[in-house]
């Protein structure tokens, strides 16, 4: 699947519902910077949606594919991110990209609601350009307490986790705002590559059929 431009083209078709969705999506993606979609705009689209912010701009992204739990998200300007259970596992279209991010060994995010003490997360990153493959990055994940986070006008009581990352030529901070009951990540700030992190906010969560 292509970027949101494909969705725009498809929605430009026949029905009144499609036209309404097309107009809403076009309105949201018209500006690349500082996007602030409204609840009505998000509700008007039939797709799962996330909001992505990074130092050079922001983008509304819609779900393109679910490949055995790895979801692909596309914007109209050809930025793409790949997520698994809310964790960033790859990107395309940025000045630097993570072609793949994989956790090695135990994955504390599988049972994040039970994480009471600080724990270590080991990842390997494949970065482009430069063919920097297999870079080992160590994270120290700590629960920092409960916070109120407003998403589309709704206040959510979420547990905030911080993860200090250290690796070859980098030191960064990941943050996760997590539903204390389900462990679902509603908002996060995650490292893509040295010097580049993105903020991901769920607007219309994807609920796969089981």
C-alpha atoms as a PDB file:
ATOM      1  CA  UNK A   1       0.000   0.000   0.000  1.00  0.00           C
ATOM      2  CA  UNK A   2       1.128   3.566  -0.647  1.00  0.00           C
ATOM      3  CA  UNK A   3       0.883   6.626   1.550  1.00  0.00           C
ATOM      4  CA  UNK A   4      -2.246   8.521   2.538  1.00  0.00           C
ATOM      5  CA  UNK A   5      -2.335   9.970  -0.965  1.00  0.00           C
ATOM      6  CA  UNK A   6      -3.613   6.590  -2.078  1.00  0.00           C
ATOM      7  CA  UNK A   7      -6.333   6.762   0.554  1.00  0.00           C
ATOM      8  CA  UNK A   8      -7.237  10.241  -0.653  1.00  0.00           C
ATOM      9  CA  UNK A   9      -7.477   9.051  -4.219  1.00  0.00           C
ATOM     10  CA  UNK A  10      -9.593   6.063  -3.266  1.00  0.00           C
ATOM     11  CA  UNK A  11     -11.934   8.147  -1.138  1.00  0.00           C
ATOM     12  CA  UNK A  12     -12.442  10.671  -3.919  1.00  0.00           C
ATOM     13  CA  UNK A  13     -14.866   8.153  -5.470  1.00  0.00           C
ATOM     14  CA  UNK A  14     -18.591   7.892  -5.363  1.00  0.00           C
ATOM     15  CA  UNK A  15     -20.465   7.746  -2.093  1.00  0.00           C
ATOM     16  CA  UNK A  16     -21.378  10.573   0.234  1.00  0.00           C
ATOM     17  CA  UNK A  17     -19.640   8.771   3.094  1.00  0.00           C
ATOM     18  CA  UNK A  18     -16.458   8.427   1.055  1.00  0.00           C
ATOM     19  CA  UNK A  19     -16.596  12.101   0.104  1.00  0.00           C
ATOM     20  CA  UNK A  20     -16.975  13.143   3.750  1.00  0.00           C
ATOM     21  CA  UNK A  21     -14.016  10.961   4.745  1.00  0.00           C
ATOM     22  CA  UNK A  22     -11.971  12.342   1.859  1.00  0.00           C
ATOM     23  CA  UNK A  23     -12.693  15.943   2.851  1.00  0.00           C
ATOM     24  CA  UNK A  24     -11.815  15.248   6.496  1.00  0.00           C
ATOM     25  CA  UNK A  25      -8.533  13.565   5.626  1.00  0.00           C
ATOM     26  CA  UNK A  26      -7.605  16.306   3.167  1.00  0.00           C
ATOM     27  CA  UNK A  27      -8.250  18.945   5.832  1.00  0.00           C
ATOM     28  CA  UNK A  28      -6.125  17.177   8.410  1.00  0.00           C
ATOM     29  CA  UNK A  29      -3.123  16.564   6.145  1.00  0.00           C
ATOM     30  CA  UNK A  30      -3.197  19.981   4.455  1.00  0.00           C
ATOM     31  CA  UNK A  31      -0.571  21.368   6.853  1.00  0.00           C
ATOM     32  CA  UNK A  32       2.630  19.460   7.528  1.00  0.00           C
ATOM     33  CA  UNK A  33       3.506  21.267  10.750  1.00  0.00           C
ATOM     34  CA  UNK A  34       1.783  21.345  14.133  1.00  0.00           C
ATOM     35  CA  UNK A  35      -1.191  19.212  13.195  1.00  0.00           C
ATOM     36  CA  UNK A  36      -4.049  19.256  15.687  1.00  0.00           C
ATOM     37  CA  UNK A  37      -6.857  17.054  14.364  1.00  0.00           C
ATOM     38  CA  UNK A  38     -10.166  17.411  16.161  1.00  0.00           C
ATOM     39  CA  UNK A  39     -12.236  14.527  17.561  1.00  0.00           C
ATOM     40  CA  UNK A  40     -14.782  15.096  14.780  1.00  0.00           C
ATOM     41  CA  UNK A  41     -12.128  14.900  12.062  1.00  0.00           C
ATOM     42  CA  UNK A  42     -10.706  11.694  13.487  1.00  0.00           C
ATOM     43  CA  UNK A  43     -14.150  10.151  13.896  1.00  0.00           C
ATOM     44  CA  UNK A  44     -15.017  10.995  10.275  1.00  0.00           C
ATOM     45  CA  UNK A  45     -12.319   8.659   8.986  1.00  0.00           C
ATOM     46  CA  UNK A  46     -12.955   4.905   8.939  1.00  0.00           C
ATOM     47  CA  UNK A  47      -9.262   4.130   9.492  1.00  0.00           C
ATOM     48  CA  UNK A  48      -7.165   3.551  12.591  1.00  0.00           C
ATOM     49  CA  UNK A  49      -5.026   6.670  13.041  1.00  0.00           C
ATOM     50  CA  UNK A  50      -1.958   7.911  14.886  1.00  0.00           C
ATOM     51  CA  UNK A  51      -0.389  11.358  15.145  1.00  0.00           C
ATOM     52  CA  UNK A  52       3.357  11.507  14.587  1.00  0.00           C
ATOM     53  CA  UNK A  53       5.494  14.482  15.641  1.00  0.00           C
ATOM     54  CA  UNK A  54       9.215  14.933  15.062  1.00  0.00           C
ATOM     55  CA  UNK A  55      11.585  17.940  15.066  1.00  0.00           C
ATOM     56  CA  UNK A  56      10.842  18.921  11.448  1.00  0.00           C
ATOM     57  CA  UNK A  57       7.081  18.486  11.410  1.00  0.00           C
ATOM     58  CA  UNK A  58       4.117  16.266  12.102  1.00  0.00           C
ATOM     59  CA  UNK A  59       1.819  13.952  10.189  1.00  0.00           C
ATOM     60  CA  UNK A  60      -1.450  12.150  10.552  1.00  0.00           C
ATOM     61  CA  UNK A  61      -0.876   8.497   9.731  1.00  0.00           C
ATOM     62  CA  UNK A  62      -3.399   5.838   8.830  1.00  0.00           C
ATOM     63  CA  UNK A  63      -3.063   2.090   9.156  1.00  0.00           C
ATOM     64  CA  UNK A  64      -1.944   0.409   5.974  1.00  0.00           C
ATOM     65  CA  UNK A  65      -1.250  -3.194   6.920  1.00  0.00           C
ATOM     66  CA  UNK A  66      -1.042  -5.702   9.746  1.00  0.00           C
ATOM     67  CA  UNK A  67       1.633  -8.287   9.052  1.00  0.00           C
ATOM     68  CA  UNK A  68       1.403 -10.835  11.866  1.00  0.00           C
ATOM     69  CA  UNK A  69       1.220  -8.104  14.493  1.00  0.00           C
ATOM     70  CA  UNK A  70       3.587  -5.627  12.842  1.00  0.00           C
ATOM     71  CA  UNK A  71       1.501  -2.664  11.737  1.00  0.00           C
ATOM     72  CA  UNK A  72       2.458  -0.223   8.969  1.00  0.00           C
ATOM     73  CA  UNK A  73       1.381   3.426   9.184  1.00  0.00           C
ATOM     74  CA  UNK A  74       1.484   5.870   6.278  1.00  0.00           C
ATOM     75  CA  UNK A  75       1.285   9.636   5.844  1.00  0.00           C
ATOM     76  CA  UNK A  76       0.478  11.625   2.725  1.00  0.00           C
ATOM     77  CA  UNK A  77       4.097  12.800   2.431  1.00  0.00           C
ATOM     78  CA  UNK A  78       5.639   9.315   2.291  1.00  0.00           C
ATOM     79  CA  UNK A  79       6.744   9.033   5.888  1.00  0.00           C
ATOM     80  CA  UNK A  80       6.122   5.572   7.285  1.00  0.00           C
ATOM     81  CA  UNK A  81       6.537   3.960  10.678  1.00  0.00           C
ATOM     82  CA  UNK A  82       6.211   0.346  11.690  1.00  0.00           C
ATOM     83  CA  UNK A  83       4.938  -0.624  15.129  1.00  0.00           C
ATOM     84  CA  UNK A  84       4.497  -3.775  17.153  1.00  0.00           C
ATOM     85  CA  UNK A  85       2.323  -3.423  20.265  1.00  0.00           C
ATOM     86  CA  UNK A  86       3.038   0.307  20.278  1.00  0.00           C
ATOM     87  CA  UNK A  87       6.806  -0.088  20.021  1.00  0.00           C
ATOM     88  CA  UNK A  88       8.657   1.393  17.059  1.00  0.00           C
ATOM     89  CA  UNK A  89      10.299  -1.341  14.969  1.00  0.00           C
ATOM     90  CA  UNK A  90      11.195   0.608  11.807  1.00  0.00           C
ATOM     91  CA  UNK A  91      10.738   3.751   9.721  1.00  0.00           C
ATOM     92  CA  UNK A  92      10.947   5.077   6.167  1.00  0.00           C
ATOM     93  CA  UNK A  93      11.181   8.587   4.728  1.00  0.00           C
ATOM     94  CA  UNK A  94      13.174  10.446   7.384  1.00  0.00           C
ATOM     95  CA  UNK A  95      16.663  11.968   7.106  1.00  0.00           C
ATOM     96  CA  UNK A  96      17.789   8.914   9.056  1.00  0.00           C
ATOM     97  CA  UNK A  97      15.785   5.715   9.234  1.00  0.00           C
ATOM     98  CA  UNK A  98      15.714   2.633  11.398  1.00  0.00           C
ATOM     99  CA  UNK A  99      15.373  -0.145   8.865  1.00  0.00           C
ATOM    100  CA  UNK A 100      14.790  -2.533  11.746  1.00  0.00           C
ATOM    101  CA  UNK A 101      14.647  -2.344  15.541  1.00  0.00           C
ATOM    102  CA  UNK A 102      14.535  -5.598  17.466  1.00  0.00           C
ATOM    103  CA  UNK A 103      14.610  -6.432  21.170  1.00  0.00           C
ATOM    104  CA  UNK A 104      16.999  -9.178  22.178  1.00  0.00           C
ATOM    105  CA  UNK A 105      16.299 -11.447  25.123  1.00  0.00           C
ATOM    106  CA  UNK A 106      13.533 -10.726  27.604  1.00  0.00           C
ATOM    107  CA  UNK A 107      10.980  -8.133  26.534  1.00  0.00           C
ATOM    108  CA  UNK A 108       9.558  -6.306  29.579  1.00  0.00           C
ATOM    109  CA  UNK A 109       6.990  -4.576  27.358  1.00  0.00           C
ATOM    110  CA  UNK A 110       5.117  -7.873  27.124  1.00  0.00           C
ATOM    111  CA  UNK A 111       3.993  -7.410  30.741  1.00  0.00           C
ATOM    112  CA  UNK A 112       4.595  -3.727  31.312  1.00  0.00           C
ATOM    113  CA  UNK A 113       1.827  -3.331  33.902  1.00  0.00           C
ATOM    114  CA  UNK A 114       3.723  -5.745  36.175  1.00  0.00           C
ATOM    115  CA  UNK A 115       7.075  -3.996  35.868  1.00  0.00           C
ATOM    116  CA  UNK A 116       7.728  -2.825  39.420  1.00  0.00           C
ATOM    117  CA  UNK A 117      11.491  -2.346  39.305  1.00  0.00           C
ATOM    118  CA  UNK A 118      13.944  -0.914  36.819  1.00  0.00           C
ATOM    119  CA  UNK A 119      14.822  -3.345  34.083  1.00  0.00           C
ATOM    120  CA  UNK A 120      17.274  -3.518  31.188  1.00  0.00           C
ATOM    121  CA  UNK A 121      16.193  -3.643  27.535  1.00  0.00           C
ATOM    122  CA  UNK A 122      18.683  -4.562  24.821  1.00  0.00           C
ATOM    123  CA  UNK A 123      17.927  -3.632  21.205  1.00  0.00           C
ATOM    124  CA  UNK A 124      19.721  -3.888  17.896  1.00  0.00           C
ATOM    125  CA  UNK A 125      19.187  -1.091  15.371  1.00  0.00           C
ATOM    126  CA  UNK A 126      19.848  -1.135  11.622  1.00  0.00           C
ATOM    127  CA  UNK A 127      20.307   2.479  10.483  1.00  0.00           C
ATOM    128  CA  UNK A 128      20.392   4.109   7.077  1.00  0.00           C
ATOM    129  CA  UNK A 129      22.071   5.917   5.450  1.00  0.00           C
ATOM    130  CA  UNK A 130      25.498   4.566   6.191  1.00  0.00           C
ATOM    131  CA  UNK A 131      24.686   0.855   6.480  1.00  0.00           C
ATOM    132  CA  UNK A 132      25.006   0.942  10.272  1.00  0.00           C
ATOM    133  CA  UNK A 133      23.654  -2.503  10.999  1.00  0.00           C
ATOM    134  CA  UNK A 134      23.425  -4.321  14.304  1.00  0.00           C
ATOM    135  CA  UNK A 135      24.099  -1.328  16.578  1.00  0.00           C
ATOM    136  CA  UNK A 136      23.536  -2.443  20.180  1.00  0.00           C
ATOM    137  CA  UNK A 137      21.595   0.025  22.337  1.00  0.00           C
ATOM    138  CA  UNK A 138      20.931  -0.620  26.021  1.00  0.00           C
ATOM    139  CA  UNK A 139      17.899   0.837  27.732  1.00  0.00           C
ATOM    140  CA  UNK A 140      17.145   1.234  31.420  1.00  0.00           C
ATOM    141  CA  UNK A 141      13.362   1.184  31.839  1.00  0.00           C
ATOM    142  CA  UNK A 142      11.824   2.744  34.972  1.00  0.00           C
ATOM    143  CA  UNK A 143       8.221   3.477  36.021  1.00  0.00           C
ATOM    144  CA  UNK A 144       7.876   7.160  36.955  1.00  0.00           C
ATOM    145  CA  UNK A 145       4.313   7.363  38.210  1.00  0.00           C
ATOM    146  CA  UNK A 146       0.830   8.175  36.985  1.00  0.00           C
ATOM    147  CA  UNK A 147       0.009  11.260  34.924  1.00  0.00           C
ATOM    148  CA  UNK A 148      -3.024  12.827  33.275  1.00  0.00           C
ATOM    149  CA  UNK A 149      -2.650  12.880  29.493  1.00  0.00           C
ATOM    150  CA  UNK A 150      -5.244  14.605  27.294  1.00  0.00           C
ATOM    151  CA  UNK A 151      -5.822  13.001  23.891  1.00  0.00           C
ATOM    152  CA  UNK A 152      -8.544  14.416  21.623  1.00  0.00           C
ATOM    153  CA  UNK A 153     -10.182  16.196  24.537  1.00  0.00           C
ATOM    154  CA  UNK A 154     -10.280  13.131  26.803  1.00  0.00           C
ATOM    155  CA  UNK A 155      -8.166  12.959  29.960  1.00  0.00           C
ATOM    156  CA  UNK A 156      -6.534   9.597  30.529  1.00  0.00           C
ATOM    157  CA  UNK A 157      -4.795   8.420  33.685  1.00  0.00           C
ATOM    158  CA  UNK A 158      -1.659   6.757  32.362  1.00  0.00           C
ATOM    159  CA  UNK A 159       1.527   5.353  33.881  1.00  0.00           C
ATOM    160  CA  UNK A 160       4.659   7.026  32.549  1.00  0.00           C
ATOM    161  CA  UNK A 161       7.778   4.958  31.949  1.00  0.00           C
ATOM    162  CA  UNK A 162      11.190   6.385  31.119  1.00  0.00           C
ATOM    163  CA  UNK A 163      13.871   4.463  29.286  1.00  0.00           C
ATOM    164  CA  UNK A 164      17.389   5.915  29.175  1.00  0.00           C
ATOM    165  CA  UNK A 165      19.151   4.653  26.055  1.00  0.00           C
ATOM    166  CA  UNK A 166      22.895   4.357  25.548  1.00  0.00           C
ATOM    167  CA  UNK A 167      24.668   3.059  22.475  1.00  0.00           C
ATOM    168  CA  UNK A 168      27.378   3.831  19.928  1.00  0.00           C
ATOM    169  CA  UNK A 169      27.569   7.621  19.768  1.00  0.00           C
ATOM    170  CA  UNK A 170      24.175   8.202  21.337  1.00  0.00           C
ATOM    171  CA  UNK A 171      22.336   8.853  24.545  1.00  0.00           C
ATOM    172  CA  UNK A 172      18.585   9.317  24.342  1.00  0.00           C
ATOM    173  CA  UNK A 173      15.384   9.063  26.350  1.00  0.00           C
ATOM    174  CA  UNK A 174      12.328   7.048  25.399  1.00  0.00           C
ATOM    175  CA  UNK A 175       9.067   7.715  27.232  1.00  0.00           C
ATOM    176  CA  UNK A 176       5.835   5.722  27.280  1.00  0.00           C
ATOM    177  CA  UNK A 177       2.392   6.624  28.649  1.00  0.00           C
ATOM    178  CA  UNK A 178       0.654   3.347  29.360  1.00  0.00           C
ATOM    179  CA  UNK A 179      -2.867   2.276  30.344  1.00  0.00           C
ATOM    180  CA  UNK A 180      -2.391   0.810  33.851  1.00  0.00           C
ATOM    181  CA  UNK A 181      -5.027  -1.880  33.299  1.00  0.00           C
ATOM    182  CA  UNK A 182      -4.304  -3.122  29.786  1.00  0.00           C
ATOM    183  CA  UNK A 183      -0.664  -2.139  29.257  1.00  0.00           C
ATOM    184  CA  UNK A 184      -1.596  -0.388  26.016  1.00  0.00           C
ATOM    185  CA  UNK A 185       0.776   2.420  25.012  1.00  0.00           C
ATOM    186  CA  UNK A 186      -1.320   5.499  24.230  1.00  0.00           C
ATOM    187  CA  UNK A 187       1.504   7.941  23.738  1.00  0.00           C
ATOM    188  CA  UNK A 188       5.264   7.596  23.445  1.00  0.00           C
ATOM    189  CA  UNK A 189       8.499   9.271  22.485  1.00  0.00           C
ATOM    190  CA  UNK A 190      10.860   6.810  20.836  1.00  0.00           C
ATOM    191  CA  UNK A 191      14.304   6.853  19.258  1.00  0.00           C
ATOM    192  CA  UNK A 192      14.514   6.368  15.493  1.00  0.00           C
ATOM    193  CA  UNK A 193      18.232   7.042  14.990  1.00  0.00           C
ATOM    194  CA  UNK A 194      20.995   9.095  16.640  1.00  0.00           C
ATOM    195  CA  UNK A 195      19.639  12.621  17.011  1.00  0.00           C
ATOM    196  CA  UNK A 196      16.112  11.746  15.866  1.00  0.00           C
ATOM    197  CA  UNK A 197      13.159  10.760  18.043  1.00  0.00           C
ATOM    198  CA  UNK A 198       9.461  10.770  17.216  1.00  0.00           C
ATOM    199  CA  UNK A 199       6.362  11.253  19.357  1.00  0.00           C
ATOM    200  CA  UNK A 200       3.522   8.844  18.634  1.00  0.00           C
ATOM    201  CA  UNK A 201      -0.046   9.383  19.865  1.00  0.00           C
ATOM    202  CA  UNK A 202      -2.936   7.011  19.298  1.00  0.00           C
ATOM    203  CA  UNK A 203      -5.963   8.859  17.967  1.00  0.00           C
ATOM    204  CA  UNK A 204      -8.146   5.991  16.785  1.00  0.00           C
ATOM    205  CA  UNK A 205      -6.593   2.752  18.077  1.00  0.00           C
ATOM    206  CA  UNK A 206      -6.351  -0.301  15.854  1.00  0.00           C
ATOM    207  CA  UNK A 207      -8.335  -3.208  17.251  1.00  0.00           C
ATOM    208  CA  UNK A 208      -7.469  -6.350  15.281  1.00  0.00           C
ATOM    209  CA  UNK A 209     -10.089  -9.054  15.081  1.00  0.00           C
ATOM    210  CA  UNK A 210      -9.039 -12.134  17.008  1.00  0.00           C
END
